[in-house]
Protein backbone atom coordinates (compact mmCIF):
# COMPACT_ATOMS: atom_id res chain seq x y z
CA MET A 1 -0.02 0.10 -0.05
CA SER A 2 1.46 3.50 -0.95
CA SER A 3 1.69 5.94 1.88
CA GLU A 4 3.84 8.56 0.31
CA SER A 5 0.78 11.13 -0.27
CA ARG A 6 -0.07 10.70 3.67
CA LEU A 7 3.06 11.32 5.40
CA PRO A 8 4.11 13.89 7.67
CA ASP A 9 5.78 17.30 6.81
CA SER A 10 9.10 16.38 8.24
CA TYR A 11 10.85 13.21 8.77
CA ASP A 12 14.24 11.51 8.29
CA GLU A 13 13.65 8.34 6.60
CA LEU A 14 10.91 5.61 5.65
CA VAL A 15 11.91 2.47 7.26
CA GLU A 16 10.59 -1.01 6.58
CA HIS A 17 8.41 -2.02 9.49
CA GLU A 18 10.65 -5.25 9.90
CA ARG A 19 13.43 -3.06 11.00
CA LEU A 20 11.48 -1.29 13.77
CA GLN A 21 11.24 -2.82 17.50
CA HIS A 22 9.44 -1.90 20.54
CA GLY A 23 11.94 0.30 22.61
CA GLU A 24 12.68 -0.45 26.14
CA HIS A 25 11.77 3.00 27.18
CA ASN A 26 8.53 3.14 25.37
CA VAL A 27 5.92 3.96 27.74
CA ARG A 28 2.94 2.70 25.70
CA PHE A 29 2.13 -1.04 25.34
CA ALA A 30 -1.73 -0.79 24.49
CA SER A 31 -3.00 -1.64 21.15
CA PRO A 32 -4.12 1.06 18.99
CA SER A 33 -7.51 2.38 19.30
CA GLU A 34 -10.17 2.03 16.36
CA GLN A 35 -10.31 5.88 16.41
CA LEU A 36 -6.33 5.78 15.55
CA LYS A 37 -6.87 3.33 12.88
CA ARG A 38 -9.61 5.37 11.09
CA SER A 39 -7.36 8.50 11.44
CA ILE A 40 -4.40 6.94 9.87
CA GLU A 41 -6.63 5.26 7.29
CA LYS A 42 -8.02 8.73 6.29
CA ASP A 43 -5.38 11.08 6.88
CA GLY A 44 -2.08 8.92 7.19
CA ILE A 45 0.52 9.37 9.91
CA GLN A 46 0.86 12.71 11.03
CA SER A 47 3.89 12.69 13.27
CA PRO A 48 6.87 10.43 12.70
CA LEU A 49 7.88 7.64 14.90
CA VAL A 50 10.55 8.72 17.28
CA VAL A 51 13.47 6.12 17.07
CA ARG A 52 17.09 5.38 17.85
CA PRO A 53 19.43 3.09 16.26
CA VAL A 54 20.03 -0.38 17.73
CA GLU A 55 23.99 -0.78 18.14
CA GLY A 56 25.24 -3.41 15.93
CA ASP A 57 22.29 -4.23 14.16
CA ASP A 58 20.28 -2.71 10.99
CA ALA A 59 17.44 -1.83 13.19
CA PHE A 60 15.82 0.86 15.28
CA GLN A 61 13.99 1.12 18.71
CA VAL A 62 10.77 3.01 18.74
CA THR A 63 10.79 5.11 21.75
CA ASP A 64 7.55 6.83 20.66
CA GLY A 65 4.90 5.82 18.32
CA TRP A 66 4.33 2.13 18.80
CA GLN A 67 0.58 2.25 18.39
CA ARG A 68 0.95 4.07 15.28
CA TYR A 69 3.24 1.48 14.06
CA GLN A 70 0.81 -1.27 14.94
CA ALA A 71 -2.20 0.54 13.41
CA ALA A 72 -0.13 1.24 10.27
CA LEU A 73 0.73 -2.63 10.01
CA GLU A 74 -2.83 -3.55 10.26
CA LEU A 75 -3.91 -1.06 7.50
CA GLY A 76 -1.01 -2.53 5.19
CA TRP A 77 1.93 -0.08 5.48
CA ASP A 78 5.25 -1.49 4.58
CA GLU A 79 7.35 1.48 5.48
CA LEU A 80 7.04 4.00 8.28
CA PRO A 81 8.13 7.64 8.55
CA VAL A 82 10.81 8.02 11.46
CA LYS A 83 12.69 10.70 13.12
CA ILE A 84 16.00 9.39 14.10
CA TYR A 85 17.96 10.41 17.26
CA ASP A 86 21.58 9.52 17.92
CA ASN A 87 21.01 8.19 21.62
CA THR A 88 18.40 7.23 23.94
CA LEU A 89 18.52 10.69 25.92
CA GLN A 90 17.54 12.59 22.71
CA ALA A 91 14.92 10.04 22.09
CA LEU A 92 13.30 10.31 25.25
CA GLU A 93 13.27 14.18 25.18
CA ALA A 94 11.63 13.88 21.73
CA ALA A 95 9.04 11.50 23.26
CA GLU A 96 8.33 13.85 26.05
CA THR A 97 7.76 16.81 23.71
CA GLN A 98 5.41 14.76 21.60
CA SER A 99 3.60 13.57 24.98
CA ILE A 100 2.45 17.25 25.54
CA VAL A 101 0.01 16.71 22.79
CA ARG A 102 -1.07 13.10 23.77
CA GLU A 103 -1.25 13.31 27.60
CA TRP A 104 0.52 10.46 29.37
CA THR A 105 -1.21 8.63 32.27
CA THR A 106 0.55 8.88 35.89
CA TYR A 107 2.19 5.23 34.98
CA GLN A 108 3.28 6.29 31.65
CA ALA A 109 4.96 9.44 33.18
CA ALA A 110 6.55 7.48 35.95
CA ARG A 111 8.00 4.98 33.42
CA HIS A 112 9.42 7.78 31.46
CA VAL A 113 10.95 9.37 34.57
CA ASN A 114 12.39 6.01 35.48
CA SER A 115 13.72 5.63 31.76
CA LEU A 116 15.32 9.23 31.99
CA TYR A 117 16.90 8.54 35.38
CA SER A 118 18.23 5.24 34.41
CA GLU A 119 20.15 6.87 31.42
CA LEU A 120 21.33 10.08 33.43
CA ARG A 121 22.43 7.95 36.38
CA GLU A 122 25.21 6.70 34.31
CA GLU A 123 26.50 10.40 33.95
CA PHE A 124 26.30 11.32 37.64
CA SER A 125 27.95 9.88 40.43
CA SER A 126 25.19 10.87 42.72
CA GLY A 127 21.71 9.61 42.46
CA SER A 128 20.44 12.74 43.95
CA GLU A 129 22.07 14.74 41.07
CA ALA A 130 20.00 12.73 38.67
CA VAL A 131 16.83 13.12 40.50
CA GLU A 132 17.42 16.88 40.39
CA ILE A 133 17.95 16.87 36.56
CA VAL A 134 14.93 14.50 35.93
CA ALA A 135 12.78 16.97 38.19
CA GLU A 136 14.01 19.87 35.98
CA ARG A 137 13.39 18.13 32.69
CA THR A 138 9.86 16.76 33.50
CA ALA A 139 8.73 19.80 35.46
CA ARG A 140 8.06 17.53 38.34
CA SER A 141 9.21 17.96 42.03
CA LYS A 142 11.94 15.69 43.32
CA PRO A 143 9.65 14.02 45.92
CA THR A 144 7.42 12.93 43.15
CA VAL A 145 10.34 11.83 40.99
CA ARG A 146 11.75 9.66 44.07
CA ARG A 147 8.01 8.39 44.25
CA TYR A 148 7.97 7.28 40.91
CA LEU A 149 11.26 5.68 41.02
CA ASN A 150 10.48 3.83 44.32
CA ALA A 151 7.21 2.52 42.96
CA LEU A 152 8.57 0.91 39.96
CA GLN A 153 10.98 -0.93 41.90
CA LEU A 154 8.12 -3.38 42.76
CA PRO A 155 8.01 -6.63 41.12
CA GLU A 156 6.45 -6.48 37.68
CA VAL A 157 3.35 -8.38 38.50
CA LEU A 158 2.16 -5.55 40.75
CA HIS A 159 2.53 -2.85 38.19
CA PRO A 160 -0.81 -3.04 36.54
CA LEU A 161 -2.22 -1.85 39.89
CA LEU A 162 -0.77 1.61 39.24
CA LYS A 163 -2.49 1.82 35.89
CA LYS A 164 -6.09 3.06 35.22
CA ARG A 165 -8.28 0.14 35.70
CA GLN A 166 -9.36 0.27 31.79
CA ASN A 167 -5.51 -0.09 30.81
CA ILE A 168 -5.14 -3.39 32.85
CA THR A 169 -5.17 -6.33 30.35
CA ASP A 170 -6.79 -9.67 31.06
CA ALA A 171 -3.48 -11.34 31.00
CA GLU A 172 -2.17 -9.00 33.79
CA TRP A 173 -5.44 -9.46 35.92
CA GLU A 174 -4.79 -13.33 35.69
CA ALA A 175 -1.21 -12.86 36.63
CA LEU A 176 -2.45 -10.91 39.69
CA LYS A 177 -5.12 -13.49 40.50
CA ASN A 178 -2.51 -16.07 41.15
CA HIS A 179 -1.64 -13.99 44.29
CA LYS A 180 -5.04 -12.64 45.25
CA GLU A 181 -8.21 -14.14 43.98
CA ASP A 182 -10.51 -11.41 44.56
CA ILE A 183 -8.14 -8.80 42.91
CA ARG A 184 -10.80 -7.07 40.73
CA ASN A 185 -12.77 -5.98 43.69
CA PHE A 186 -10.06 -3.37 44.78
CA ASP A 187 -9.59 -0.01 43.21
CA GLY A 188 -5.74 0.01 42.84
CA LEU A 189 -2.46 0.77 44.50
CA SER A 190 -1.75 4.10 45.94
CA TRP A 191 1.36 5.64 44.58
CA GLN A 192 2.48 6.52 48.09
CA VAL A 193 2.14 2.95 49.20
CA ALA A 194 3.95 1.60 46.27
CA ALA A 195 6.72 4.07 46.94
CA GLU A 196 7.11 2.97 50.46
CA ALA A 197 7.02 -0.73 49.49
CA GLY A 198 9.48 -0.25 46.57
CA GLN A 199 11.98 1.32 48.80
CA HIS A 200 12.74 -1.96 50.20
CA ALA A 201 12.53 -4.06 47.09
CA ALA A 202 16.11 -4.98 47.01
CA ASP A 203 16.04 -6.22 50.76
CA VAL A 204 12.67 -8.21 50.64
CA ASP A 205 11.97 -11.41 48.98
CA ASP A 206 9.64 -10.70 45.98
CA GLU A 207 6.95 -12.94 47.19
CA ARG A 208 6.98 -11.45 50.70
CA LEU A 209 6.86 -8.01 48.91
CA ILE A 210 4.00 -9.06 46.79
CA ARG A 211 2.02 -10.32 49.94
CA ILE A 212 2.68 -7.08 51.64
CA VAL A 213 1.54 -4.81 48.90
CA LEU A 214 -1.71 -6.90 48.21
CA ALA A 215 -2.43 -6.75 51.98
CA THR A 216 -2.71 -2.94 51.76
CA LEU A 217 -5.45 -2.89 49.23
CA GLY A 218 -8.75 -1.76 50.76
CA TYR A 219 -6.86 0.44 53.22
CA ASP A 220 -6.23 4.15 52.62
CA SER A 221 -2.72 5.42 51.63
CA THR A 222 -1.79 6.27 55.47
CA GLU A 223 -2.98 2.78 56.67
CA GLY A 224 -1.24 1.09 53.92
CA GLU A 225 2.08 2.77 54.51
CA ARG A 226 1.83 1.99 58.20
CA LEU A 227 1.14 -1.60 57.36
CA VAL A 228 4.28 -1.74 54.82
CA GLN A 229 6.37 -0.31 57.45
CA GLU A 230 5.33 -2.69 60.18
CA ALA A 231 5.80 -5.72 57.83
CA ILE A 232 9.44 -4.75 56.89
CA GLU A 233 10.26 -4.20 60.42
CA ASP A 234 8.80 -7.53 61.54
CA PRO A 235 9.47 -9.96 58.74
CA ASP A 236 8.40 -12.98 60.63
CA ALA A 237 4.90 -11.72 61.38
CA SER A 238 2.01 -12.85 59.14
CA MET A 239 0.10 -10.20 57.34
CA SER A 240 -3.24 -11.24 59.27
CA MET A 241 -1.30 -10.62 62.53
CA LEU A 242 0.07 -7.38 61.53
CA LYS A 243 -3.43 -5.99 60.34
CA TYR A 244 -5.01 -6.98 63.69
CA ARG A 245 -2.17 -5.39 65.61
CA LEU A 246 -2.44 -2.25 63.69
CA PHE A 247 -6.04 -1.82 62.97
CA ASP A 248 -8.08 -4.00 64.93
CA GLY A 249 -6.59 -5.04 68.33
CA GLY A 250 -5.00 -1.87 69.54
CA SER A 251 -6.58 0.56 72.30
CA GLU A 252 -6.64 3.38 69.66
CA HIS A 253 -9.10 1.38 67.66
CA HIS A 254 -11.48 0.39 70.18
CA ASN A 255 -14.22 2.48 68.71
CA TRP A 256 -13.75 1.52 65.27
CA ILE A 257 -15.51 -1.00 63.01
CA ARG A 258 -13.88 -1.93 59.78
CA VAL A 259 -16.24 -2.67 57.04
CA PRO A 260 -15.12 -5.39 54.52
CA GLN A 261 -14.46 -4.25 51.06
CA THR A 262 -16.87 -6.30 48.79
CA GLY A 263 -18.35 -6.08 45.14
CA ILE A 264 -21.88 -5.54 44.80
CA ARG A 265 -23.83 -6.35 41.47
CA LEU A 266 -26.00 -3.43 40.49
CA GLU A 267 -28.26 -2.63 37.59
CA ASN A 268 -26.39 0.07 35.40
CA GLU A 269 -29.00 2.44 35.95
CA LYS A 270 -28.43 2.04 39.87
CA LYS A 271 -24.65 2.07 39.56
CA GLU A 272 -24.70 5.41 37.30
CA ALA A 273 -27.06 7.00 39.65
CA ILE A 274 -24.59 6.55 42.70
CA MET A 275 -21.71 7.84 40.74
CA ASP A 276 -23.46 10.94 39.65
CA TYR A 277 -24.41 11.27 43.34
CA CYS A 278 -20.77 11.13 44.43
CA HIS A 279 -19.68 13.34 41.62
CA GLU A 280 -22.46 16.14 42.07
CA ARG A 281 -21.69 16.16 45.89
CA LYS A 282 -17.73 16.00 45.19
CA VAL A 283 -17.52 12.95 47.94
CA HIS A 284 -15.97 9.57 47.77
CA LEU A 285 -18.08 6.38 47.78
CA SER A 286 -16.31 5.45 50.91
CA ASP A 287 -17.80 8.46 52.69
CA VAL A 288 -21.28 7.65 51.51
CA VAL A 289 -20.74 4.29 52.86
CA GLU A 290 -19.61 5.55 56.06
CA GLU A 291 -22.68 7.97 56.40
CA GLN A 292 -25.02 5.09 55.83
CA MET A 293 -23.23 2.82 58.21
CA LYS A 294 -23.36 5.45 61.04
CA SER A 295 -27.13 5.87 60.20
CA PHE A 296 -27.57 2.31 60.05
CA ALA A 297 -25.75 1.81 63.47
CA GLU A 298 -28.14 4.60 65.11
CA SER A 299 -31.27 2.94 63.80
CA VAL A 300 -30.03 -0.47 65.28
CA LYS A 301 -29.24 1.10 68.55
CA SER A 302 -32.86 2.63 68.76
CA SER A 303 -34.37 -0.46 67.77
CA GLU A 304 -32.55 -2.39 70.75
CA ARG A 305 -33.44 0.32 73.11
CA ARG A 306 -37.22 0.06 71.97
CA LEU A 307 -37.25 -3.67 72.32
CA ASP A 308 -35.62 -3.55 75.64
CA GLU A 309 -38.48 -1.14 76.81
CA PHE A 310 -41.05 -3.39 75.46
CA GLN A 311 -39.74 -6.46 77.23
C-alpha cells in the first residue's frame, strides 16, 4: 500500500516495518484504538515515529509511536516515517515533547521518569543529582520523581495496579489473581504505598513483598504505608497478625469498625445514579458508605432500646 501522499511534513527516513522494534523505554504498550486506525486510514501518519539506532544491528528501537506502528501495519503499510535520534536521551526528550499533545497517564509518566533516571544515572556519581535533573526536565518535584522511581522497583506483576483500571489487560489480571483471587474487587494501589514498599525491594524477597503490597489494598494510603512499614520491621509476622495489631486489636481502635470491602452487583442505572450522586456532591463512595453505616448503627441502637423497653 502506498503511503507517500499521507506522510508527515518532516521526517528523516521511511523505514521498513521489519527493522522497527518496541523500545525498552517506550511507555505505551496498548493496542491502537479504532479511532487511531480510522485517522491513519483517512489522513495518514501525522507525526513520525521517534526512534534510535540499535547498536550493531540494522534496526531501530521505537521510543514513541508504537501504537501508530501497529495501526499502520494492520492497514497494510510496509514502510513508516521516522525521526532518528543518536542516543536514548535525545529520543526520550523527543518522546516527552510529543507527549504534550498526547497526554500520558501517571503510570506512563512514571515510566518515562524512570527511563530518564536510568540513562542519566550513568553520567552522575550521585543519584540525587540525577533526580534533580529529571525533576527539572519533566517539571515534576523531586519528591514526586523519587516516589515514581521507588514505586517502579516493585515486582512487575504489581505494576498493573498502578495503571488506570481500563488499561489493565486480562493477562495482567490473571497474573495478579495467582496472588489474590478477588483482586478485581479493589480500586488499585496508591502511589504513596507503592513507593514505601518499593524502597525495600532490594532487601525483601519478591513473594513477601507481593504479599505485603496486596495486603494494603482496601486501606487508605496512610494505613497502607503503616502496614508496609510494620511488615518490613517484623519480617516473621503474618499479614493477618500485622493487620490485627495495627487496625483491629489496639486500644486506639477500640471504637472503630472495619467494613469489609466487597463487590456489589447493581443494575447499570443504579450504579450510574450512585456515581452521579458522588460526582455532584464531590464525595468519595467510601464517605457515602461511612455515612450510611453510622445511620444504620443509630437505627439498630434505637431498635434495641425500644425492644428493651417493650420487654
